[in-house]
Amino acid sequence: MGFCGEWYDSEDGSTTLQLLVPKEMVQQVLQQSHSAVTAGHFREQKTLDRIRERFYWPGYRSDVKRYVKSYWEVIYTWEKLSVDIAGPPPVMDKGNCYILMVVDAFSKYAEAIPVPNQQAVTVTTALVQEILCRYGIPKAIHTDQGTQFESELFIRTCDQFGTEKTRTTPYHPSGNGQAERMNRTVWNMLAKTIKPNEKNWDVILPKVMMTYRATVHSSTGQTPYRMMFGRQCRKMSRGIRAQQFGGRKVMSRT
C-alpha cells in the first residue's frame, strides 16, 4: 500500500515529498515532533519546520500553534491550576454535598475538598486554606463561568495572592476539561468504593485521592505524586511485612 503525500518546496530550493497525515494520527505526529525525548521541545517555528520536512495535513499550522502554546502554558508544576465544583451527590453526615476539585495542569496532581455548598465565600475559603496556603501560589487559576468563580470575592482573592484568574468562554465552555475529567474519575472511583445508600463518601475521599495520585497517568507516564514531589508515594501494600505471611519471603519470577 502506497502513501499519499504533498510536494513541499523548502527555502534551500530542494523539493520534499511530505506524508499526508490522517486525522487520527495528527496528535501522535505533534507529540513526536515536539514533546518526545529526542524532539527538543522547541517553540512554534522550529516545530513547524520539523513537521514540514516530512508531514502535511490540512490546518497543520494552526494545530502546531495550538499544541505548542498549550505545552508551554503548563510546562512547570503548579504554575496553572484547573478548578471546578463537582456534585451534588447525597448529602453526607457532616453536611458536605459538593467537592472543590483542583488539578495541576502539568503533573495532574489533584486535590478534592468536600464543601457544604458552592457559595463564593465557602469555595474561596477552601481554596485559600487547603490549597494556596499548603502548596503555594500558582501563576494562573482556570475555572468555568460558575457564579462562585466569577464573584467579586474570588477574583479579588486571586488578585491579592498575585495569581492570574482565567476562565472558559461561551464559545468554548469545555475549556476546563482537566478538572471536569477529574470530577468524573473521582465519582467513578467513589462509586466502586462506597456501598449503596452510604453517606460517608467525604470520609473515604482522601483514600480514593491517594490511590489516584499513586497511579500512573496516561498523559505523563508517571504518577501524579511523583510528578509533584519527585518521589513515589509509599502505599499501603508496601507496608505489608513478611511476618504477615508467616515470616516467609517469596521471590516472584517474571
C-alpha atoms as a PDB file:
ATOM      1  CA  MET A   1       0.000   0.000   0.000  1.00  0.00           C
ATOM      2  CA  GLY A   2       1.426   3.383  -1.006  1.00  0.00           C
ATOM      3  CA  PHE A   3       1.392   6.645   0.923  1.00  0.00           C
ATOM      4  CA  CYS A   4      -0.484   9.808  -0.013  1.00  0.00           C
ATOM      5  CA  GLY A   5       1.608  12.932   0.064  1.00  0.00           C
ATOM      6  CA  GLU A   6       2.278  16.518  -0.984  1.00  0.00           C
ATOM      7  CA  TRP A   7       5.378  18.100  -2.539  1.00  0.00           C
ATOM      8  CA  TYR A   8       6.974  20.824  -0.411  1.00  0.00           C
ATOM      9  CA  ASP A   9       9.499  23.362  -1.735  1.00  0.00           C
ATOM     10  CA  SER A  10      11.941  24.251   1.035  1.00  0.00           C
ATOM     11  CA  GLU A  11      13.842  27.536   1.367  1.00  0.00           C
ATOM     12  CA  ASP A  12      17.067  25.988   0.040  1.00  0.00           C
ATOM     13  CA  GLY A  13      15.365  25.149  -3.266  1.00  0.00           C
ATOM     14  CA  SER A  14      15.001  21.404  -2.679  1.00  0.00           C
ATOM     15  CA  THR A  15      11.716  19.566  -3.035  1.00  0.00           C
ATOM     16  CA  THR A  16      10.497  17.087  -0.411  1.00  0.00           C
ATOM     17  CA  LEU A  17       7.620  14.640  -0.534  1.00  0.00           C
ATOM     18  CA  GLN A  18       5.526  15.081   2.627  1.00  0.00           C
ATOM     19  CA  LEU A  19       3.399  12.287   4.019  1.00  0.00           C
ATOM     20  CA  LEU A  20      -0.285  13.155   4.251  1.00  0.00           C
ATOM     21  CA  VAL A  21      -1.205  12.531   7.897  1.00  0.00           C
ATOM     22  CA  PRO A  22      -4.644  11.048   8.609  1.00  0.00           C
ATOM     23  CA  LYS A  23      -6.713  12.927  11.165  1.00  0.00           C
ATOM     24  CA  GLU A  24      -6.428  10.159  13.776  1.00  0.00           C
ATOM     25  CA  MET A  25      -2.608  10.358  13.698  1.00  0.00           C
ATOM     26  CA  VAL A  26      -2.191  14.141  13.952  1.00  0.00           C
ATOM     27  CA  GLN A  27      -1.775  14.089  17.742  1.00  0.00           C
ATOM     28  CA  GLN A  28       0.891  11.389  17.502  1.00  0.00           C
ATOM     29  CA  VAL A  29       2.868  13.367  14.908  1.00  0.00           C
ATOM     30  CA  LEU A  30       2.632  16.525  17.013  1.00  0.00           C
ATOM     31  CA  GLN A  31       3.855  14.700  20.090  1.00  0.00           C
ATOM     32  CA  GLN A  32       6.771  13.034  18.293  1.00  0.00           C
ATOM     33  CA  SER A  33       7.778  16.273  16.580  1.00  0.00           C
ATOM     34  CA  HIS A  34       7.673  18.425  19.703  1.00  0.00           C
ATOM     35  CA  SER A  35       7.342  16.604  23.028  1.00  0.00           C
ATOM     36  CA  ALA A  36       9.290  13.377  22.536  1.00  0.00           C
ATOM     37  CA  VAL A  37      12.628  12.981  24.342  1.00  0.00           C
ATOM     38  CA  THR A  38      14.552  13.498  21.084  1.00  0.00           C
ATOM     39  CA  ALA A  39      12.326  16.319  19.766  1.00  0.00           C
ATOM     40  CA  GLY A  40      13.772  19.157  21.831  1.00  0.00           C
ATOM     41  CA  HIS A  41      10.505  20.839  22.888  1.00  0.00           C
ATOM     42  CA  PHE A  42      11.187  23.740  20.516  1.00  0.00           C
ATOM     43  CA  ARG A  43       8.924  26.724  20.014  1.00  0.00           C
ATOM     44  CA  GLU A  44       6.367  27.104  17.238  1.00  0.00           C
ATOM     45  CA  GLN A  45       8.565  27.958  14.234  1.00  0.00           C
ATOM     46  CA  LYS A  46      11.141  25.213  14.733  1.00  0.00           C
ATOM     47  CA  THR A  47       8.376  22.688  15.348  1.00  0.00           C
ATOM     48  CA  LEU A  48       6.686  23.806  12.105  1.00  0.00           C
ATOM     49  CA  ASP A  49       9.958  23.432  10.218  1.00  0.00           C
ATOM     50  CA  ARG A  50      10.474  19.936  11.568  1.00  0.00           C
ATOM     51  CA  ILE A  51       6.967  18.820  10.660  1.00  0.00           C
ATOM     52  CA  ARG A  52       7.137  20.318   7.156  1.00  0.00           C
ATOM     53  CA  GLU A  53      10.209  18.240   6.382  1.00  0.00           C
ATOM     54  CA  ARG A  54       8.115  15.060   6.478  1.00  0.00           C
ATOM     55  CA  PHE A  55       4.412  15.655   7.063  1.00  0.00           C
ATOM     56  CA  TYR A  56       1.383  17.560   5.829  1.00  0.00           C
ATOM     57  CA  TRP A  57      -2.297  17.755   6.754  1.00  0.00           C
ATOM     58  CA  PRO A  58      -4.902  20.482   6.232  1.00  0.00           C
ATOM     59  CA  GLY A  59      -4.714  23.052   9.014  1.00  0.00           C
ATOM     60  CA  TYR A  60      -1.354  21.847  10.299  1.00  0.00           C
ATOM     61  CA  ARG A  61      -0.132  25.385  11.037  1.00  0.00           C
ATOM     62  CA  SER A  62      -2.975  26.164  13.447  1.00  0.00           C
ATOM     63  CA  ASP A  63      -2.674  22.700  15.036  1.00  0.00           C
ATOM     64  CA  VAL A  64       1.039  23.224  15.686  1.00  0.00           C
ATOM     65  CA  LYS A  65       0.429  26.701  17.105  1.00  0.00           C
ATOM     66  CA  ARG A  66      -2.270  25.423  19.459  1.00  0.00           C
ATOM     67  CA  TYR A  67      -0.231  22.382  20.552  1.00  0.00           C
ATOM     68  CA  VAL A  68       2.984  24.302  21.293  1.00  0.00           C
ATOM     69  CA  LYS A  69       1.092  27.075  23.084  1.00  0.00           C
ATOM     70  CA  SER A  70      -0.705  24.608  25.346  1.00  0.00           C
ATOM     71  CA  TYR A  71       2.605  22.846  26.120  1.00  0.00           C
ATOM     72  CA  TRP A  72       4.456  25.967  27.182  1.00  0.00           C
ATOM     73  CA  GLU A  73       1.469  27.173  29.199  1.00  0.00           C
ATOM     74  CA  VAL A  74       1.762  24.156  31.505  1.00  0.00           C
ATOM     75  CA  ILE A  75       5.466  23.418  31.372  1.00  0.00           C
ATOM     76  CA  TYR A  76       6.082  23.796  35.106  1.00  0.00           C
ATOM     77  CA  THR A  77       4.465  22.063  38.055  1.00  0.00           C
ATOM     78  CA  TRP A  78       1.905  24.114  39.977  1.00  0.00           C
ATOM     79  CA  GLU A  79       2.002  27.007  37.528  1.00  0.00           C
ATOM     80  CA  LYS A  80      -1.529  26.522  36.233  1.00  0.00           C
ATOM     81  CA  LEU A  81      -4.428  25.028  38.195  1.00  0.00           C
ATOM     82  CA  SER A  82      -7.812  23.953  36.876  1.00  0.00           C
ATOM     83  CA  VAL A  83     -10.573  24.411  39.468  1.00  0.00           C
ATOM     84  CA  ASP A  84     -14.151  23.164  39.373  1.00  0.00           C
ATOM     85  CA  ILE A  85     -17.093  22.212  41.593  1.00  0.00           C
ATOM     86  CA  ALA A  86     -18.441  18.633  41.469  1.00  0.00           C
ATOM     87  CA  GLY A  87     -21.750  17.444  42.839  1.00  0.00           C
ATOM     88  CA  PRO A  88     -24.119  17.189  44.409  1.00  0.00           C
ATOM     89  CA  PRO A  89     -24.075  13.537  45.473  1.00  0.00           C
ATOM     90  CA  PRO A  90     -26.138  12.516  48.537  1.00  0.00           C
ATOM     91  CA  VAL A  91     -25.646  14.915  51.455  1.00  0.00           C
ATOM     92  CA  MET A  92     -23.139  13.473  53.908  1.00  0.00           C
ATOM     93  CA  ASP A  93     -23.387  13.051  57.671  1.00  0.00           C
ATOM     94  CA  LYS A  94     -21.029  16.021  58.054  1.00  0.00           C
ATOM     95  CA  GLY A  95     -23.201  18.151  55.799  1.00  0.00           C
ATOM     96  CA  ASN A  96     -20.821  18.091  52.815  1.00  0.00           C
ATOM     97  CA  CYS A  97     -22.506  17.760  49.459  1.00  0.00           C
ATOM     98  CA  TYR A  98     -20.016  19.191  46.939  1.00  0.00           C
ATOM     99  CA  ILE A  99     -16.350  18.708  46.035  1.00  0.00           C
ATOM    100  CA  LEU A 100     -13.978  21.539  45.201  1.00  0.00           C
ATOM    101  CA  MET A 101     -11.695  19.929  42.603  1.00  0.00           C
ATOM    102  CA  VAL A 102      -8.222  21.349  41.972  1.00  0.00           C
ATOM    103  CA  VAL A 103      -5.920  19.850  39.312  1.00  0.00           C
ATOM    104  CA  ASP A 104      -2.358  20.867  38.455  1.00  0.00           C
ATOM    105  CA  ALA A 105      -2.252  21.049  34.666  1.00  0.00           C
ATOM    106  CA  PHE A 106       1.328  19.764  34.386  1.00  0.00           C
ATOM    107  CA  SER A 107       1.682  16.991  36.949  1.00  0.00           C
ATOM    108  CA  LYS A 108      -2.041  16.002  37.044  1.00  0.00           C
ATOM    109  CA  TYR A 109      -1.767  16.093  40.835  1.00  0.00           C
ATOM    110  CA  ALA A 110      -5.241  16.727  42.255  1.00  0.00           C
ATOM    111  CA  GLU A 111      -6.884  17.745  45.497  1.00  0.00           C
ATOM    112  CA  ALA A 112     -10.587  17.100  46.225  1.00  0.00           C
ATOM    113  CA  ILE A 113     -12.021  19.139  49.086  1.00  0.00           C
ATOM    114  CA  PRO A 114     -15.524  18.362  50.451  1.00  0.00           C
ATOM    115  CA  VAL A 115     -17.583  21.520  50.975  1.00  0.00           C
ATOM    116  CA  PRO A 116     -21.160  22.008  52.248  1.00  0.00           C
ATOM    117  CA  ASN A 117     -22.218  24.391  49.465  1.00  0.00           C
ATOM    118  CA  GLN A 118     -20.884  26.161  46.393  1.00  0.00           C
ATOM    119  CA  GLN A 119     -21.213  29.725  47.620  1.00  0.00           C
ATOM    120  CA  ALA A 120     -18.379  32.082  46.820  1.00  0.00           C
ATOM    121  CA  VAL A 121     -17.237  32.503  50.434  1.00  0.00           C
ATOM    122  CA  THR A 122     -17.155  28.730  51.009  1.00  0.00           C
ATOM    123  CA  VAL A 123     -15.255  27.978  47.812  1.00  0.00           C
ATOM    124  CA  THR A 124     -12.806  30.849  48.212  1.00  0.00           C
ATOM    125  CA  THR A 125     -12.051  29.990  51.847  1.00  0.00           C
ATOM    126  CA  ALA A 126     -11.438  26.323  50.995  1.00  0.00           C
ATOM    127  CA  LEU A 127      -9.138  27.251  48.117  1.00  0.00           C
ATOM    128  CA  VAL A 128      -7.070  29.600  50.288  1.00  0.00           C
ATOM    129  CA  GLN A 129      -6.815  27.380  53.361  1.00  0.00           C
ATOM    130  CA  GLU A 130      -6.459  23.953  51.732  1.00  0.00           C
ATOM    131  CA  ILE A 131      -4.601  24.787  48.520  1.00  0.00           C
ATOM    132  CA  LEU A 132      -2.795  28.135  48.376  1.00  0.00           C
ATOM    133  CA  CYS A 133      -1.547  28.111  51.986  1.00  0.00           C
ATOM    134  CA  ARG A 134      -0.461  24.478  51.696  1.00  0.00           C
ATOM    135  CA  TYR A 135       1.130  24.210  48.247  1.00  0.00           C
ATOM    136  CA  GLY A 136       1.915  27.797  47.318  1.00  0.00           C
ATOM    137  CA  ILE A 137       0.537  30.223  44.772  1.00  0.00           C
ATOM    138  CA  PRO A 138       0.191  29.249  41.087  1.00  0.00           C
ATOM    139  CA  LYS A 139       0.673  31.699  38.253  1.00  0.00           C
ATOM    140  CA  ALA A 140      -2.862  31.070  36.998  1.00  0.00           C
ATOM    141  CA  ILE A 141      -6.149  29.576  38.186  1.00  0.00           C
ATOM    142  CA  HIS A 142      -8.525  28.464  35.426  1.00  0.00           C
ATOM    143  CA  THR A 143     -12.254  27.971  36.082  1.00  0.00           C
ATOM    144  CA  ASP A 144     -15.568  27.791  34.285  1.00  0.00           C
ATOM    145  CA  GLN A 145     -18.062  30.650  34.449  1.00  0.00           C
ATOM    146  CA  GLY A 146     -19.713  29.494  37.680  1.00  0.00           C
ATOM    147  CA  THR A 147     -21.004  32.370  39.792  1.00  0.00           C
ATOM    148  CA  GLN A 148     -18.758  31.423  42.709  1.00  0.00           C
ATOM    149  CA  PHE A 149     -15.672  31.757  40.472  1.00  0.00           C
ATOM    150  CA  GLU A 150     -16.870  34.973  38.844  1.00  0.00           C
ATOM    151  CA  SER A 151     -17.734  36.564  42.187  1.00  0.00           C
ATOM    152  CA  GLU A 152     -16.008  39.731  43.364  1.00  0.00           C
ATOM    153  CA  LEU A 153     -14.638  37.840  46.384  1.00  0.00           C
ATOM    154  CA  PHE A 154     -12.978  35.075  44.339  1.00  0.00           C
ATOM    155  CA  ILE A 155     -11.497  37.471  41.778  1.00  0.00           C
ATOM    156  CA  ARG A 156     -10.270  39.864  44.494  1.00  0.00           C
ATOM    157  CA  THR A 157      -8.646  36.963  46.351  1.00  0.00           C
ATOM    158  CA  CYS A 158      -6.781  35.879  43.214  1.00  0.00           C
ATOM    159  CA  ASP A 159      -5.552  39.461  42.782  1.00  0.00           C
ATOM    160  CA  GLN A 160      -4.420  39.642  46.399  1.00  0.00           C
ATOM    161  CA  PHE A 161      -2.391  36.446  46.021  1.00  0.00           C
ATOM    162  CA  GLY A 162      -0.934  37.631  42.718  1.00  0.00           C
ATOM    163  CA  THR A 163      -2.343  34.824  40.580  1.00  0.00           C
ATOM    164  CA  GLU A 164      -3.999  35.344  37.209  1.00  0.00           C
ATOM    165  CA  LYS A 165      -7.664  34.324  37.021  1.00  0.00           C
ATOM    166  CA  THR A 166      -8.695  32.848  33.655  1.00  0.00           C
ATOM    167  CA  ARG A 167     -11.969  31.235  32.620  1.00  0.00           C
ATOM    168  CA  THR A 168     -13.711  29.329  29.881  1.00  0.00           C
ATOM    169  CA  THR A 169     -15.553  31.286  27.202  1.00  0.00           C
ATOM    170  CA  PRO A 170     -19.151  30.930  25.942  1.00  0.00           C
ATOM    171  CA  TYR A 171     -17.698  29.682  22.655  1.00  0.00           C
ATOM    172  CA  HIS A 172     -15.558  27.060  24.376  1.00  0.00           C
ATOM    173  CA  PRO A 173     -17.408  26.008  27.565  1.00  0.00           C
ATOM    174  CA  SER A 174     -15.455  22.725  27.783  1.00  0.00           C
ATOM    175  CA  GLY A 175     -12.157  24.604  28.146  1.00  0.00           C
ATOM    176  CA  ASN A 176     -11.808  23.456  31.753  1.00  0.00           C
ATOM    177  CA  GLY A 177     -11.603  19.833  30.712  1.00  0.00           C
ATOM    178  CA  GLN A 178      -8.887  18.725  33.147  1.00  0.00           C
ATOM    179  CA  ALA A 179     -10.926  19.486  36.256  1.00  0.00           C
ATOM    180  CA  GLU A 180     -14.119  18.169  34.674  1.00  0.00           C
ATOM    181  CA  ARG A 181     -12.436  14.868  33.733  1.00  0.00           C
ATOM    182  CA  MET A 182     -11.069  14.632  37.258  1.00  0.00           C
ATOM    183  CA  ASN A 183     -14.606  15.046  38.596  1.00  0.00           C
ATOM    184  CA  ARG A 184     -15.749  12.029  36.578  1.00  0.00           C
ATOM    185  CA  THR A 185     -12.720   9.993  37.633  1.00  0.00           C
ATOM    186  CA  VAL A 186     -13.330  10.651  41.328  1.00  0.00           C
ATOM    187  CA  TRP A 187     -17.057   9.868  41.164  1.00  0.00           C
ATOM    188  CA  ASN A 188     -16.322   6.629  39.316  1.00  0.00           C
ATOM    189  CA  MET A 189     -13.761   5.627  41.942  1.00  0.00           C
ATOM    190  CA  LEU A 190     -16.136   6.527  44.777  1.00  0.00           C
ATOM    191  CA  ALA A 191     -18.979   4.586  43.170  1.00  0.00           C
ATOM    192  CA  LYS A 192     -16.799   1.465  43.199  1.00  0.00           C
ATOM    193  CA  THR A 193     -15.787   2.018  46.827  1.00  0.00           C
ATOM    194  CA  ILE A 194     -18.871   3.017  48.805  1.00  0.00           C
ATOM    195  CA  LYS A 195     -21.938   0.858  49.317  1.00  0.00           C
ATOM    196  CA  PRO A 196     -25.417   1.907  48.128  1.00  0.00           C
ATOM    197  CA  ASN A 197     -27.097   4.460  50.401  1.00  0.00           C
ATOM    198  CA  GLU A 198     -23.865   5.137  52.300  1.00  0.00           C
ATOM    199  CA  LYS A 199     -23.321   8.765  53.219  1.00  0.00           C
ATOM    200  CA  ASN A 200     -19.675   8.768  54.171  1.00  0.00           C
ATOM    201  CA  TRP A 201     -18.070   9.459  50.790  1.00  0.00           C
ATOM    202  CA  ASP A 202     -16.334  12.522  52.249  1.00  0.00           C
ATOM    203  CA  VAL A 203     -14.594  10.246  54.777  1.00  0.00           C
ATOM    204  CA  ILE A 204     -13.493   7.801  52.065  1.00  0.00           C
ATOM    205  CA  LEU A 205     -12.492  10.544  49.607  1.00  0.00           C
ATOM    206  CA  PRO A 206      -8.913  11.085  50.928  1.00  0.00           C
ATOM    207  CA  LYS A 207      -8.082   7.395  50.408  1.00  0.00           C
ATOM    208  CA  VAL A 208      -9.568   7.491  46.917  1.00  0.00           C
ATOM    209  CA  MET A 209      -7.406  10.513  46.099  1.00  0.00           C
ATOM    210  CA  MET A 210      -4.327   8.768  47.479  1.00  0.00           C
ATOM    211  CA  THR A 211      -4.989   5.883  45.106  1.00  0.00           C
ATOM    212  CA  TYR A 212      -5.375   8.263  42.156  1.00  0.00           C
ATOM    213  CA  ARG A 213      -2.158  10.146  42.935  1.00  0.00           C
ATOM    214  CA  ALA A 214      -0.174   6.914  43.251  1.00  0.00           C
ATOM    215  CA  THR A 215      -1.423   5.568  39.904  1.00  0.00           C
ATOM    216  CA  VAL A 216       0.473   6.170  36.647  1.00  0.00           C
ATOM    217  CA  HIS A 217      -1.254   8.801  34.499  1.00  0.00           C
ATOM    218  CA  SER A 218      -1.542   8.018  30.799  1.00  0.00           C
ATOM    219  CA  SER A 219      -0.556  11.514  29.647  1.00  0.00           C
ATOM    220  CA  THR A 220       2.713  11.711  31.627  1.00  0.00           C
ATOM    221  CA  GLY A 221       3.774   8.089  32.085  1.00  0.00           C
ATOM    222  CA  GLN A 222       4.347   8.881  35.770  1.00  0.00           C
ATOM    223  CA  THR A 223       2.226   9.022  38.901  1.00  0.00           C
ATOM    224  CA  PRO A 224       0.878  12.486  39.764  1.00  0.00           C
ATOM    225  CA  TYR A 225       2.528  12.147  43.179  1.00  0.00           C
ATOM    226  CA  ARG A 226       5.978  11.607  41.658  1.00  0.00           C
ATOM    227  CA  MET A 227       5.493  14.441  39.169  1.00  0.00           C
ATOM    228  CA  MET A 228       4.573  16.737  42.034  1.00  0.00           C
ATOM    229  CA  PHE A 229       7.093  15.726  44.716  1.00  0.00           C
ATOM    230  CA  GLY A 230       9.864  13.939  42.825  1.00  0.00           C
ATOM    231  CA  ARG A 231       9.402  10.629  44.649  1.00  0.00           C
ATOM    232  CA  GLN A 232       6.892   7.809  44.702  1.00  0.00           C
ATOM    233  CA  CYS A 233       4.093   7.667  47.222  1.00  0.00           C
ATOM    234  CA  ARG A 234       4.571   4.936  49.812  1.00  0.00           C
ATOM    235  CA  LYS A 235       1.384   2.901  49.512  1.00  0.00           C
ATOM    236  CA  MET A 236      -0.231   0.557  51.994  1.00  0.00           C
ATOM    237  CA  SER A 237       0.781  -2.554  50.053  1.00  0.00           C
ATOM    238  CA  ARG A 238       4.447  -1.675  50.565  1.00  0.00           C
ATOM    239  CA  GLY A 239       3.889  -1.686  54.310  1.00  0.00           C
ATOM    240  CA  ILE A 240       2.926  -5.359  54.372  1.00  0.00           C
ATOM    241  CA  ARG A 241       5.710  -7.221  56.108  1.00  0.00           C
ATOM    242  CA  ALA A 242       6.892 -10.791  55.732  1.00  0.00           C
ATOM    243  CA  GLN A 243       5.637 -11.556  59.253  1.00  0.00           C
ATOM    244  CA  GLN A 244       2.087 -11.182  57.981  1.00  0.00           C
ATOM    245  CA  PHE A 245       2.727 -14.178  55.741  1.00  0.00           C
ATOM    246  CA  GLY A 246       4.186 -16.399  58.449  1.00  0.00           C
ATOM    247  CA  GLY A 247       7.652 -14.881  58.124  1.00  0.00           C
ATOM    248  CA  ARG A 248       8.234 -16.474  54.736  1.00  0.00           C
ATOM    249  CA  LYS A 249       9.846 -14.464  51.972  1.00  0.00           C
ATOM    250  CA  VAL A 250       8.665 -15.281  48.474  1.00  0.00           C
ATOM    251  CA  MET A 251      10.646 -14.455  45.352  1.00  0.00           C
ATOM    252  CA  SER A 252       8.472 -13.985  42.294  1.00  0.00           C
ATOM    253  CA  ARG A 253       9.735 -14.928  38.866  1.00  0.00           C
ATOM    254  CA  THR A 254       8.700 -12.772  35.931  1.00  0.00           C
END
